PDB file of all heavy atoms in Angstrom:
ATOM      1  N   THR A   1     -11.286 -19.201 -23.982  1.00  0.00           N
ATOM      2  CA  THR A   1     -12.181 -18.436 -24.858  1.00  0.00           C
ATOM      3  C   THR A   1     -12.572 -17.076 -24.283  1.00  0.00           C
ATOM      4  O   THR A   1     -13.205 -16.273 -24.970  1.00  0.00           O
ATOM      5  CB  THR A   1     -13.479 -19.220 -25.122  1.00  0.00           C
ATOM      6  OG1 THR A   1     -14.218 -19.325 -23.886  1.00  0.00           O
ATOM      7  CG2 THR A   1     -13.171 -20.619 -25.645  1.00  0.00           C
ATOM      8  N   GLY A   2     -12.254 -16.836 -23.011  1.00  0.00           N
ATOM      9  CA  GLY A   2     -12.618 -15.566 -22.396  1.00  0.00           C
ATOM     10  C   GLY A   2     -14.055 -15.508 -21.919  1.00  0.00           C
ATOM     11  O   GLY A   2     -14.545 -14.446 -21.523  1.00  0.00           O
ATOM     12  N   PHE A   3     -14.759 -16.645 -21.920  1.00  0.00           N
ATOM     13  CA  PHE A   3     -16.169 -16.637 -21.522  1.00  0.00           C
ATOM     14  C   PHE A   3     -16.513 -17.879 -20.700  1.00  0.00           C
ATOM     15  O   PHE A   3     -16.085 -18.993 -21.027  1.00  0.00           O
ATOM     16  CB  PHE A   3     -17.074 -16.594 -22.760  1.00  0.00           C
ATOM     17  CG  PHE A   3     -18.545 -16.596 -22.434  1.00  0.00           C
ATOM     18  CD1 PHE A   3     -19.145 -15.479 -21.872  1.00  0.00           C
ATOM     19  CD2 PHE A   3     -19.318 -17.716 -22.675  1.00  0.00           C
ATOM     20  CE1 PHE A   3     -20.499 -15.484 -21.551  1.00  0.00           C
ATOM     21  CE2 PHE A   3     -20.671 -17.732 -22.370  1.00  0.00           C
ATOM     22  CZ  PHE A   3     -21.273 -16.613 -21.806  1.00  0.00           C
ATOM     23  N   VAL A   4     -17.275 -17.663 -19.611  1.00  0.00           N
ATOM     24  CA  VAL A   4     -17.751 -18.764 -18.774  1.00  0.00           C
ATOM     25  C   VAL A   4     -19.265 -18.639 -18.635  1.00  0.00           C
ATOM     26  O   VAL A   4     -19.783 -17.579 -18.272  1.00  0.00           O
ATOM     27  CB  VAL A   4     -17.104 -18.732 -17.369  1.00  0.00           C
ATOM     28  CG1 VAL A   4     -17.650 -19.873 -16.502  1.00  0.00           C
ATOM     29  CG2 VAL A   4     -15.592 -18.823 -17.476  1.00  0.00           C
ATOM     30  N   ARG A   5     -19.971 -19.709 -18.921  1.00  0.00           N
ATOM     31  CA  ARG A   5     -21.432 -19.701 -18.815  1.00  0.00           C
ATOM     32  C   ARG A   5     -21.885 -19.644 -17.356  1.00  0.00           C
ATOM     33  O   ARG A   5     -21.230 -20.187 -16.469  1.00  0.00           O
ATOM     34  CB  ARG A   5     -22.013 -20.981 -19.443  1.00  0.00           C
ATOM     35  CG  ARG A   5     -21.837 -21.082 -20.933  1.00  0.00           C
ATOM     36  CD  ARG A   5     -22.377 -22.421 -21.432  1.00  0.00           C
ATOM     37  NE  ARG A   5     -22.344 -22.487 -22.878  1.00  0.00           N
ATOM     38  CZ  ARG A   5     -23.291 -22.004 -23.665  1.00  0.00           C
ATOM     39  NH1 ARG A   5     -24.361 -21.418 -23.111  1.00  0.00           N
ATOM     40  NH2 ARG A   5     -23.200 -22.087 -24.976  1.00  0.00           N
ATOM     41  N   ALA A   6     -23.044 -19.020 -17.137  1.00  0.00           N
ATOM     42  CA  ALA A   6     -23.607 -18.951 -15.788  1.00  0.00           C
ATOM     43  C   ALA A   6     -23.890 -20.346 -15.232  1.00  0.00           C
ATOM     44  O   ALA A   6     -23.788 -20.568 -14.021  1.00  0.00           O
ATOM     45  CB  ALA A   6     -24.894 -18.123 -15.807  1.00  0.00           C
ATOM     46  N   SER A   7     -24.212 -21.291 -16.111  1.00  0.00           N
ATOM     47  CA  SER A   7     -24.514 -22.653 -15.646  1.00  0.00           C
ATOM     48  C   SER A   7     -23.300 -23.311 -14.991  1.00  0.00           C
ATOM     49  O   SER A   7     -23.438 -24.120 -14.065  1.00  0.00           O
ATOM     50  CB  SER A   7     -25.007 -23.516 -16.806  1.00  0.00           C
ATOM     51  OG  SER A   7     -24.054 -23.533 -17.860  1.00  0.00           O
ATOM     52  N   SER A   8     -22.106 -22.958 -15.453  1.00  0.00           N
ATOM     53  CA  SER A   8     -20.893 -23.517 -14.861  1.00  0.00           C
ATOM     54  C   SER A   8     -20.680 -22.982 -13.445  1.00  0.00           C
ATOM     55  O   SER A   8     -20.306 -23.724 -12.527  1.00  0.00           O
ATOM     56  CB  SER A   8     -19.675 -23.179 -15.727  1.00  0.00           C
ATOM     57  OG  SER A   8     -19.804 -23.750 -17.007  1.00  0.00           O
ATOM     58  N   VAL A   9     -20.917 -21.689 -13.273  1.00  0.00           N
ATOM     59  CA  VAL A   9     -20.796 -21.101 -11.933  1.00  0.00           C
ATOM     60  C   VAL A   9     -21.882 -21.668 -11.014  1.00  0.00           C
ATOM     61  O   VAL A   9     -21.641 -21.934  -9.846  1.00  0.00           O
ATOM     62  CB  VAL A   9     -20.880 -19.557 -11.999  1.00  0.00           C
ATOM     63  CG1 VAL A   9     -20.780 -18.949 -10.603  1.00  0.00           C
ATOM     64  CG2 VAL A   9     -19.767 -19.004 -12.879  1.00  0.00           C
ATOM     65  N   MET A  10     -23.088 -21.876 -11.561  1.00  0.00           N
ATOM     66  CA  MET A  10     -24.162 -22.455 -10.754  1.00  0.00           C
ATOM     67  C   MET A  10     -23.810 -23.878 -10.308  1.00  0.00           C
ATOM     68  O   MET A  10     -24.143 -24.290  -9.187  1.00  0.00           O
ATOM     69  CB  MET A  10     -25.479 -22.452 -11.545  1.00  0.00           C
ATOM     70  CG  MET A  10     -26.671 -22.978 -10.750  1.00  0.00           C
ATOM     71  SD  MET A  10     -26.965 -22.061  -9.202  1.00  0.00           S
ATOM     72  CE  MET A  10     -27.798 -20.605  -9.845  1.00  0.00           C
ATOM     73  N   HIS A  11     -23.133 -24.637 -11.166  1.00  0.00           N
ATOM     74  CA  HIS A  11     -22.686 -25.980 -10.796  1.00  0.00           C
ATOM     75  C   HIS A  11     -21.759 -25.902  -9.580  1.00  0.00           C
ATOM     76  O   HIS A  11     -21.887 -26.689  -8.627  1.00  0.00           O
ATOM     77  CB  HIS A  11     -21.964 -26.633 -11.977  1.00  0.00           C
ATOM     78  CG  HIS A  11     -21.731 -28.094 -11.814  1.00  0.00           C
ATOM     79  ND1 HIS A  11     -20.890 -28.816 -12.633  1.00  0.00           N
ATOM     80  CD2 HIS A  11     -22.200 -28.990 -10.899  1.00  0.00           C
ATOM     81  CE1 HIS A  11     -20.867 -30.081 -12.230  1.00  0.00           C
ATOM     82  NE2 HIS A  11     -21.660 -30.214 -11.184  1.00  0.00           N
ATOM     83  N   LEU A  12     -20.839 -24.931  -9.604  1.00  0.00           N
ATOM     84  CA  LEU A  12     -19.954 -24.729  -8.460  1.00  0.00           C
ATOM     85  C   LEU A  12     -20.743 -24.298  -7.232  1.00  0.00           C
ATOM     86  O   LEU A  12     -20.517 -24.806  -6.127  1.00  0.00           O
ATOM     87  CB  LEU A  12     -18.891 -23.676  -8.806  1.00  0.00           C
ATOM     88  CG  LEU A  12     -17.912 -23.295  -7.678  1.00  0.00           C
ATOM     89  CD1 LEU A  12     -17.044 -24.483  -7.299  1.00  0.00           C
ATOM     90  CD2 LEU A  12     -17.046 -22.113  -8.090  1.00  0.00           C
ATOM     91  N   ARG A  13     -21.692 -23.383  -7.405  1.00  0.00           N
ATOM     92  CA  ARG A  13     -22.487 -22.892  -6.276  1.00  0.00           C
ATOM     93  C   ARG A  13     -23.304 -24.014  -5.634  1.00  0.00           C
ATOM     94  O   ARG A  13     -23.459 -24.072  -4.406  1.00  0.00           O
ATOM     95  CB  ARG A  13     -23.414 -21.768  -6.747  1.00  0.00           C
ATOM     96  CG  ARG A  13     -22.663 -20.522  -7.203  1.00  0.00           C
ATOM     97  CD  ARG A  13     -23.568 -19.523  -7.880  1.00  0.00           C
ATOM     98  NE  ARG A  13     -24.314 -18.717  -6.925  1.00  0.00           N
ATOM     99  CZ  ARG A  13     -25.223 -17.803  -7.275  1.00  0.00           C
ATOM    100  NH1 ARG A  13     -25.501 -17.607  -8.557  1.00  0.00           N
ATOM    101  NH2 ARG A  13     -25.854 -17.110  -6.355  1.00  0.00           N
ATOM    102  N   GLU A  14     -23.813 -24.920  -6.461  1.00  0.00           N
ATOM    103  CA  GLU A  14     -24.573 -26.061  -5.928  1.00  0.00           C
ATOM    104  C   GLU A  14     -23.682 -26.957  -5.073  1.00  0.00           C
ATOM    105  O   GLU A  14     -24.090 -27.435  -4.007  1.00  0.00           O
ATOM    106  CB  GLU A  14     -25.191 -26.856  -7.075  1.00  0.00           C
ATOM    107  CG  GLU A  14     -26.336 -26.132  -7.763  1.00  0.00           C
ATOM    108  CD  GLU A  14     -26.700 -26.747  -9.103  1.00  0.00           C
ATOM    109  OE1 GLU A  14     -25.971 -27.648  -9.586  1.00  0.00           O
ATOM    110  OE2 GLU A  14     -27.723 -26.322  -9.678  1.00  0.00           O
ATOM    111  N   GLN A  15     -22.450 -27.172  -5.530  1.00  0.00           N
ATOM    112  CA  GLN A  15     -21.515 -27.997  -4.767  1.00  0.00           C
ATOM    113  C   GLN A  15     -21.125 -27.309  -3.461  1.00  0.00           C
ATOM    114  O   GLN A  15     -20.993 -27.955  -2.423  1.00  0.00           O
ATOM    115  CB  GLN A  15     -20.260 -28.274  -5.598  1.00  0.00           C
ATOM    116  CG  GLN A  15     -20.485 -29.175  -6.794  1.00  0.00           C
ATOM    117  CD  GLN A  15     -21.005 -30.544  -6.384  1.00  0.00           C
ATOM    118  OE1 GLN A  15     -20.427 -31.213  -5.536  1.00  0.00           O
ATOM    119  NE2 GLN A  15     -22.125 -30.954  -6.969  1.00  0.00           N
ATOM    120  N   LEU A  16     -20.954 -25.978  -3.507  1.00  0.00           N
ATOM    121  CA  LEU A  16     -20.615 -25.236  -2.288  1.00  0.00           C
ATOM    122  C   LEU A  16     -21.758 -25.287  -1.289  1.00  0.00           C
ATOM    123  O   LEU A  16     -21.537 -25.363  -0.078  1.00  0.00           O
ATOM    124  CB  LEU A  16     -20.282 -23.776  -2.625  1.00  0.00           C
ATOM    125  CG  LEU A  16     -19.045 -23.531  -3.484  1.00  0.00           C
ATOM    126  CD1 LEU A  16     -18.818 -22.038  -3.674  1.00  0.00           C
ATOM    127  CD2 LEU A  16     -17.802 -24.168  -2.882  1.00  0.00           C
ATOM    128  N   THR A  17     -22.983 -25.250  -1.785  1.00  0.00           N
ATOM    129  CA  THR A  17     -24.149 -25.343  -0.900  1.00  0.00           C
ATOM    130  C   THR A  17     -24.195 -26.707  -0.230  1.00  0.00           C
ATOM    131  O   THR A  17     -24.479 -26.827   0.964  1.00  0.00           O
ATOM    132  CB  THR A  17     -25.442 -25.100  -1.705  1.00  0.00           C
ATOM    133  OG1 THR A  17     -25.413 -23.776  -2.239  1.00  0.00           O
ATOM    134  CG2 THR A  17     -26.665 -25.240  -0.821  1.00  0.00           C
ATOM    135  N   ASP A  18     -23.879 -27.759  -0.992  1.00  0.00           N
ATOM    136  CA  ASP A  18     -23.860 -29.113  -0.430  1.00  0.00           C
ATOM    137  C   ASP A  18     -22.774 -29.253   0.643  1.00  0.00           C
ATOM    138  O   ASP A  18     -22.978 -29.902   1.675  1.00  0.00           O
ATOM    139  CB  ASP A  18     -23.604 -30.148  -1.531  1.00  0.00           C
ATOM    140  CG  ASP A  18     -24.790 -30.291  -2.472  1.00  0.00           C
ATOM    141  OD1 ASP A  18     -25.892 -29.818  -2.111  1.00  0.00           O
ATOM    142  OD2 ASP A  18     -24.608 -30.857  -3.563  1.00  0.00           O
ATOM    143  N   LYS A  19     -21.610 -28.640   0.387  1.00  0.00           N
ATOM    144  CA  LYS A  19     -20.469 -28.840   1.284  1.00  0.00           C
ATOM    145  C   LYS A  19     -20.442 -27.852   2.447  1.00  0.00           C
ATOM    146  O   LYS A  19     -19.850 -28.108   3.478  1.00  0.00           O
ATOM    147  CB  LYS A  19     -19.143 -28.669   0.507  1.00  0.00           C
ATOM    148  CG  LYS A  19     -19.004 -29.545  -0.720  1.00  0.00           C
ATOM    149  CD  LYS A  19     -18.924 -31.017  -0.346  1.00  0.00           C
ATOM    150  CE  LYS A  19     -18.558 -31.893  -1.533  1.00  0.00           C
ATOM    151  NZ  LYS A  19     -19.502 -31.798  -2.659  1.00  0.00           N
ATOM    152  N   GLY A  20     -21.074 -26.687   2.266  1.00  0.00           N
ATOM    153  CA  GLY A  20     -20.947 -25.619   3.252  1.00  0.00           C
ATOM    154  C   GLY A  20     -22.004 -25.667   4.335  1.00  0.00           C
ATOM    155  O   GLY A  20     -22.881 -26.537   4.372  1.00  0.00           O
ATOM    156  N   GLN A  21     -21.910 -24.669   5.213  1.00  0.00           N
ATOM    157  CA  GLN A  21     -22.865 -24.559   6.309  1.00  0.00           C
ATOM    158  C   GLN A  21     -24.080 -23.722   5.902  1.00  0.00           C
ATOM    159  O   GLN A  21     -25.004 -23.554   6.678  1.00  0.00           O
ATOM    160  CB  GLN A  21     -22.178 -23.870   7.503  1.00  0.00           C
ATOM    161  CG  GLN A  21     -20.803 -24.414   7.858  1.00  0.00           C
ATOM    162  CD  GLN A  21     -20.851 -25.874   8.247  1.00  0.00           C
ATOM    163  OE1 GLN A  21     -21.721 -26.269   9.024  1.00  0.00           O
ATOM    164  NE2 GLN A  21     -19.938 -26.677   7.720  1.00  0.00           N
ATOM    165  N   CYS A  22     -24.042 -23.178   4.685  1.00  0.00           N
ATOM    166  CA  CYS A  22     -25.058 -22.212   4.265  1.00  0.00           C
ATOM    167  C   CYS A  22     -25.832 -22.747   3.060  1.00  0.00           C
ATOM    168  O   CYS A  22     -25.244 -23.231   2.104  1.00  0.00           O
ATOM    169  CB  CYS A  22     -24.382 -20.883   3.923  1.00  0.00           C
ATOM    170  SG  CYS A  22     -25.531 -19.613   3.409  1.00  0.00           S
ATOM    171  N   SER A  23     -27.150 -22.638   3.120  1.00  0.00           N
ATOM    172  CA  SER A  23     -27.982 -23.216   2.057  1.00  0.00           C
ATOM    173  C   SER A  23     -28.288 -22.231   0.935  1.00  0.00           C
ATOM    174  O   SER A  23     -28.978 -22.585  -0.010  1.00  0.00           O
ATOM    175  CB  SER A  23     -29.306 -23.700   2.664  1.00  0.00           C
ATOM    176  OG  SER A  23     -30.002 -22.601   3.235  1.00  0.00           O
ATOM    177  N   SER A  24     -27.780 -20.991   1.038  1.00  0.00           N
ATOM    178  CA  SER A  24     -28.212 -19.968   0.076  1.00  0.00           C
ATOM    179  C   SER A  24     -27.125 -19.555  -0.907  1.00  0.00           C
ATOM    180  O   SER A  24     -27.195 -18.481  -1.497  1.00  0.00           O
ATOM    181  CB  SER A  24     -28.718 -18.732   0.836  1.00  0.00           C
ATOM    182  OG  SER A  24     -27.722 -18.228   1.709  1.00  0.00           O
ATOM    183  N   PHE A  25     -26.122 -20.393  -1.112  1.00  0.00           N
ATOM    184  CA  PHE A  25     -25.064 -20.047  -2.068  1.00  0.00           C
ATOM    185  C   PHE A  25     -25.573 -20.033  -3.509  1.00  0.00           C
ATOM    186  O   PHE A  25     -24.957 -19.450  -4.381  1.00  0.00           O
ATOM    187  CB  PHE A  25     -23.879 -21.018  -1.947  1.00  0.00           C
ATOM    188  CG  PHE A  25     -22.757 -20.481  -1.101  1.00  0.00           C
ATOM    189  CD1 PHE A  25     -22.616 -20.882   0.205  1.00  0.00           C
ATOM    190  CD2 PHE A  25     -21.846 -19.561  -1.611  1.00  0.00           C
ATOM    191  CE1 PHE A  25     -21.591 -20.378   1.005  1.00  0.00           C
ATOM    192  CE2 PHE A  25     -20.819 -19.056  -0.836  1.00  0.00           C
ATOM    193  CZ  PHE A  25     -20.689 -19.463   0.478  1.00  0.00           C
ATOM    194  N   THR A  26     -26.702 -20.682  -3.768  1.00  0.00           N
ATOM    195  CA  THR A  26     -27.195 -20.748  -5.145  1.00  0.00           C
ATOM    196  C   THR A  26     -28.088 -19.577  -5.525  1.00  0.00           C
ATOM    197  O   THR A  26     -28.398 -19.392  -6.700  1.00  0.00           O
ATOM    198  CB  THR A  26     -27.988 -22.046  -5.382  1.00  0.00           C
ATOM    199  OG1 THR A  26     -29.013 -22.127  -4.390  1.00  0.00           O
ATOM    200  CG2 THR A  26     -27.085 -23.257  -5.312  1.00  0.00           C
ATOM    201  N   ASN A  27     -28.537 -18.776  -4.544  1.00  0.00           N
ATOM    202  CA  ASN A  27     -29.494 -17.721  -4.916  1.00  0.00           C
ATOM    203  C   ASN A  27     -29.237 -16.363  -4.271  1.00  0.00           C
ATOM    204  O   ASN A  27     -29.709 -15.354  -4.774  1.00  0.00           O
ATOM    205  CB  ASN A  27     -30.932 -18.155  -4.591  1.00  0.00           C
ATOM    206  CG  ASN A  27     -31.070 -18.628  -3.148  1.00  0.00           C
ATOM    207  OD1 ASN A  27     -30.438 -18.097  -2.239  1.00  0.00           O
ATOM    208  ND2 ASN A  27     -31.910 -19.629  -2.948  1.00  0.00           N
ATOM    209  N   ALA A  28     -28.499 -16.314  -3.170  1.00  0.00           N
ATOM    210  CA  ALA A  28     -28.323 -15.043  -2.448  1.00  0.00           C
ATOM    211  C   ALA A  28     -26.962 -14.425  -2.743  1.00  0.00           C
ATOM    212  O   ALA A  28     -26.004 -15.112  -3.089  1.00  0.00           O
ATOM    213  CB  ALA A  28     -28.476 -15.267  -0.943  1.00  0.00           C
ATOM    214  N   GLU A  29     -26.897 -13.092  -2.595  1.00  0.00           N
ATOM    215  CA  GLU A  29     -25.616 -12.407  -2.729  1.00  0.00           C
ATOM    216  C   GLU A  29     -24.846 -12.556  -1.428  1.00  0.00           C
ATOM    217  O   GLU A  29     -25.401 -12.425  -0.342  1.00  0.00           O
ATOM    218  CB  GLU A  29     -25.822 -10.923  -3.042  1.00  0.00           C
ATOM    219  CG  GLU A  29     -24.507 -10.200  -3.303  1.00  0.00           C
ATOM    220  CD  GLU A  29     -24.704  -8.785  -3.806  1.00  0.00           C
ATOM    221  OE1 GLU A  29     -25.843  -8.431  -4.157  1.00  0.00           O
ATOM    222  OE2 GLU A  29     -23.708  -8.040  -3.844  1.00  0.00           O
ATOM    223  N   LYS A  30     -23.561 -12.859  -1.548  1.00  0.00           N
ATOM    224  CA  LYS A  30     -22.703 -13.075  -0.385  1.00  0.00           C
ATOM    225  C   LYS A  30     -21.554 -12.073  -0.403  1.00  0.00           C
ATOM    226  O   LYS A  30     -21.300 -11.396  -1.401  1.00  0.00           O
ATOM    227  CB  LYS A  30     -22.102 -14.491  -0.414  1.00  0.00           C
ATOM    228  CG  LYS A  30     -23.118 -15.602  -0.459  1.00  0.00           C
ATOM    229  CD  LYS A  30     -23.747 -15.795   0.889  1.00  0.00           C
ATOM    230  CE  LYS A  30     -24.675 -17.004   0.891  1.00  0.00           C
ATOM    231  NZ  LYS A  30     -25.402 -17.131   2.151  1.00  0.00           N
ATOM    232  N   ASP A  31     -20.843 -12.043   0.716  1.00  0.00           N
ATOM    233  CA  ASP A  31     -19.596 -11.296   0.730  1.00  0.00           C
ATOM    234  C   ASP A  31     -18.526 -12.177   0.102  1.00  0.00           C
ATOM    235  O   ASP A  31     -18.481 -13.385   0.377  1.00  0.00           O
ATOM    236  CB  ASP A  31     -19.213 -10.941   2.173  1.00  0.00           C
ATOM    237  CG  ASP A  31     -18.060  -9.966   2.229  1.00  0.00           C
ATOM    238  OD1 ASP A  31     -16.905 -10.397   2.098  1.00  0.00           O
ATOM    239  OD2 ASP A  31     -18.313  -8.767   2.395  1.00  0.00           O
ATOM    240  N   PRO A  32     -17.670 -11.615  -0.769  1.00  0.00           N
ATOM    241  CA  PRO A  32     -16.616 -12.441  -1.385  1.00  0.00           C
ATOM    242  C   PRO A  32     -15.763 -13.177  -0.353  1.00  0.00           C
ATOM    243  O   PRO A  32     -15.304 -14.296  -0.604  1.00  0.00           O
ATOM    244  CB  PRO A  32     -15.778 -11.418  -2.164  1.00  0.00           C
ATOM    245  CG  PRO A  32     -16.713 -10.298  -2.449  1.00  0.00           C
ATOM    246  CD  PRO A  32     -17.644 -10.226  -1.275  1.00  0.00           C
ATOM    247  N   GLU A  33     -15.565 -12.562   0.812  1.00  0.00           N
ATOM    248  CA  GLU A  33     -14.736 -13.195   1.839  1.00  0.00           C
ATOM    249  C   GLU A  33     -15.355 -14.504   2.323  1.00  0.00           C
ATOM    250  O   GLU A  33     -14.654 -15.472   2.610  1.00  0.00           O
ATOM    251  CB  GLU A  33     -14.540 -12.232   3.009  1.00  0.00           C
ATOM    252  CG  GLU A  33     -13.507 -12.707   4.017  1.00  0.00           C
ATOM    253  CD  GLU A  33     -13.152 -11.650   5.037  1.00  0.00           C
ATOM    254  OE1 GLU A  33     -13.763 -10.556   5.030  1.00  0.00           O
ATOM    255  OE2 GLU A  33     -12.261 -11.910   5.857  1.00  0.00           O
ATOM    256  N   GLU A  34     -16.671 -14.530   2.409  1.00  0.00           N
ATOM    257  CA  GLU A  34     -17.372 -15.750   2.831  1.00  0.00           C
ATOM    258  C   GLU A  34     -17.130 -16.872   1.820  1.00  0.00           C
ATOM    259  O   GLU A  34     -16.884 -18.028   2.183  1.00  0.00           O
ATOM    260  CB  GLU A  34     -18.866 -15.456   2.958  1.00  0.00           C
ATOM    261  CG  GLU A  34     -19.671 -16.590   3.574  1.00  0.00           C
ATOM    262  CD  GLU A  34     -21.137 -16.241   3.737  1.00  0.00           C
ATOM    263  OE1 GLU A  34     -21.520 -15.075   3.485  1.00  0.00           O
ATOM    264  OE2 GLU A  34     -21.916 -17.140   4.115  1.00  0.00           O
ATOM    265  N   PHE A  35     -17.195 -16.530   0.540  1.00  0.00           N
ATOM    266  CA  PHE A  35     -16.931 -17.500  -0.529  1.00  0.00           C
ATOM    267  C   PHE A  35     -15.483 -17.979  -0.483  1.00  0.00           C
ATOM    268  O   PHE A  35     -15.210 -19.185  -0.561  1.00  0.00           O
ATOM    269  CB  PHE A  35     -17.245 -16.845  -1.880  1.00  0.00           C
ATOM    270  CG  PHE A  35     -16.615 -17.518  -3.067  1.00  0.00           C
ATOM    271  CD1 PHE A  35     -16.881 -18.843  -3.355  1.00  0.00           C
ATOM    272  CD2 PHE A  35     -15.759 -16.816  -3.915  1.00  0.00           C
ATOM    273  CE1 PHE A  35     -16.299 -19.468  -4.465  1.00  0.00           C
ATOM    274  CE2 PHE A  35     -15.182 -17.418  -5.009  1.00  0.00           C
ATOM    275  CZ  PHE A  35     -15.448 -18.752  -5.283  1.00  0.00           C
ATOM    276  N   LEU A  36     -14.522 -17.054  -0.339  1.00  0.00           N
ATOM    277  CA  LEU A  36     -13.104 -17.424  -0.315  1.00  0.00           C
ATOM    278  C   LEU A  36     -12.783 -18.304   0.885  1.00  0.00           C
ATOM    279  O   LEU A  36     -12.044 -19.285   0.769  1.00  0.00           O
ATOM    280  CB  LEU A  36     -12.227 -16.167  -0.303  1.00  0.00           C
ATOM    281  CG  LEU A  36     -12.231 -15.339  -1.591  1.00  0.00           C
ATOM    282  CD1 LEU A  36     -11.412 -14.072  -1.409  1.00  0.00           C
ATOM    283  CD2 LEU A  36     -11.696 -16.138  -2.769  1.00  0.00           C
ATOM    284  N   ASN A  37     -13.322 -17.950   2.047  1.00  0.00           N
ATOM    285  CA  ASN A  37     -13.062 -18.756   3.244  1.00  0.00           C
ATOM    286  C   ASN A  37     -13.601 -20.172   3.087  1.00  0.00           C
ATOM    287  O   ASN A  37     -12.943 -21.147   3.461  1.00  0.00           O
ATOM    288  CB  ASN A  37     -13.688 -18.104   4.480  1.00  0.00           C
ATOM    289  CG  ASN A  37     -12.912 -16.895   4.954  1.00  0.00           C
ATOM    290  OD1 ASN A  37     -11.759 -16.697   4.579  1.00  0.00           O
ATOM    291  ND2 ASN A  37     -13.532 -16.071   5.781  1.00  0.00           N
ATOM    292  N   LEU A  38     -14.798 -20.284   2.512  1.00  0.00           N
ATOM    293  CA  LEU A  38     -15.401 -21.608   2.337  1.00  0.00           C
ATOM    294  C   LEU A  38     -14.580 -22.464   1.379  1.00  0.00           C
ATOM    295  O   LEU A  38     -14.212 -23.598   1.694  1.00  0.00           O
ATOM    296  CB  LEU A  38     -16.839 -21.478   1.829  1.00  0.00           C
ATOM    297  CG  LEU A  38     -17.547 -22.803   1.498  1.00  0.00           C
ATOM    298  CD1 LEU A  38     -17.674 -23.672   2.745  1.00  0.00           C
ATOM    299  CD2 LEU A  38     -18.921 -22.541   0.886  1.00  0.00           C
ATOM    300  N   ILE A  39     -14.245 -21.900   0.216  1.00  0.00           N
ATOM    301  CA  ILE A  39     -13.587 -22.737  -0.797  1.00  0.00           C
ATOM    302  C   ILE A  39     -12.120 -22.991  -0.450  1.00  0.00           C
ATOM    303  O   ILE A  39     -11.602 -24.080  -0.664  1.00  0.00           O
ATOM    304  CB  ILE A  39     -13.740 -22.106  -2.208  1.00  0.00           C
ATOM    305  CG1 ILE A  39     -13.444 -23.159  -3.281  1.00  0.00           C
ATOM    306  CG2 ILE A  39     -12.870 -20.874  -2.386  1.00  0.00           C
ATOM    307  CD1 ILE A  39     -13.884 -22.776  -4.665  1.00  0.00           C
ATOM    308  N   MET A  40     -11.437 -22.007   0.136  1.00  0.00           N
ATOM    309  CA  MET A  40     -10.011 -22.184   0.434  1.00  0.00           C
ATOM    310  C   MET A  40      -9.788 -23.003   1.701  1.00  0.00           C
ATOM    311  O   MET A  40      -8.949 -23.904   1.724  1.00  0.00           O
ATOM    312  CB  MET A  40      -9.321 -20.825   0.568  1.00  0.00           C
ATOM    313  CG  MET A  40      -9.151 -20.085  -0.742  1.00  0.00           C
ATOM    314  SD  MET A  40      -8.217 -18.546  -0.523  1.00  0.00           S
ATOM    315  CE  MET A  40      -7.950 -18.088  -2.231  1.00  0.00           C
ATOM    316  N   GLN A  41     -10.539 -22.689   2.740  1.00  0.00           N
ATOM    317  CA  GLN A  41     -10.300 -23.361   4.023  1.00  0.00           C
ATOM    318  C   GLN A  41     -11.022 -24.693   4.135  1.00  0.00           C
ATOM    319  O   GLN A  41     -10.421 -25.723   4.412  1.00  0.00           O
ATOM    320  CB  GLN A  41     -10.722 -22.439   5.174  1.00  0.00           C
ATOM    321  CG  GLN A  41     -10.504 -23.061   6.557  1.00  0.00           C
ATOM    322  CD  GLN A  41     -10.881 -22.118   7.683  1.00  0.00           C
ATOM    323  OE1 GLN A  41     -11.357 -21.008   7.448  1.00  0.00           O
ATOM    324  NE2 GLN A  41     -10.682 -22.534   8.904  1.00  0.00           N
ATOM    325  N   HIS A  42     -12.333 -24.663   3.915  1.00  0.00           N
ATOM    326  CA  HIS A  42     -13.137 -25.853   4.224  1.00  0.00           C
ATOM    327  C   HIS A  42     -13.219 -26.865   3.080  1.00  0.00           C
ATOM    328  O   HIS A  42     -13.476 -28.040   3.322  1.00  0.00           O
ATOM    329  CB  HIS A  42     -14.548 -25.414   4.634  1.00  0.00           C
ATOM    330  CG  HIS A  42     -14.568 -24.564   5.860  1.00  0.00           C
ATOM    331  ND1 HIS A  42     -14.231 -25.047   7.106  1.00  0.00           N
ATOM    332  CD2 HIS A  42     -14.841 -23.241   6.021  1.00  0.00           C
ATOM    333  CE1 HIS A  42     -14.315 -24.075   7.995  1.00  0.00           C
ATOM    334  NE2 HIS A  42     -14.681 -22.963   7.371  1.00  0.00           N
ATOM    335  N   ILE A  43     -13.017 -26.408   1.836  1.00  0.00           N
ATOM    336  CA  ILE A  43     -13.186 -27.335   0.715  1.00  0.00           C
ATOM    337  C   ILE A  43     -11.842 -27.778   0.129  1.00  0.00           C
ATOM    338  O   ILE A  43     -11.666 -28.930  -0.217  1.00  0.00           O
ATOM    339  CB  ILE A  43     -14.086 -26.703  -0.363  1.00  0.00           C
ATOM    340  CG1 ILE A  43     -15.495 -26.592   0.217  1.00  0.00           C
ATOM    341  CG2 ILE A  43     -14.081 -27.523  -1.635  1.00  0.00           C
ATOM    342  CD1 ILE A  43     -16.516 -26.004  -0.700  1.00  0.00           C
ATOM    343  N   LEU A  44     -10.878 -26.851   0.038  1.00  0.00           N
ATOM    344  CA  LEU A  44      -9.570 -27.225  -0.497  1.00  0.00           C
ATOM    345  C   LEU A  44      -8.513 -27.408   0.601  1.00  0.00           C
ATOM    346  O   LEU A  44      -7.495 -28.039   0.378  1.00  0.00           O
ATOM    347  CB  LEU A  44      -9.098 -26.177  -1.512  1.00  0.00           C
ATOM    348  CG  LEU A  44      -9.989 -26.024  -2.762  1.00  0.00           C
ATOM    349  CD1 LEU A  44      -9.412 -24.978  -3.697  1.00  0.00           C
ATOM    350  CD2 LEU A  44     -10.149 -27.346  -3.494  1.00  0.00           C
TER     351      LEU A  44
END
């Protein structure tokens, strides 16, 4: 549909916070590299 709700991204951010070393994935701005490293290396 070309559209993704913010709630869907927040669901992902909550899971990343649970799995990652950082507790602020749900509210703070991060560097994209930090996000890519977490999801590619540590989660997938």
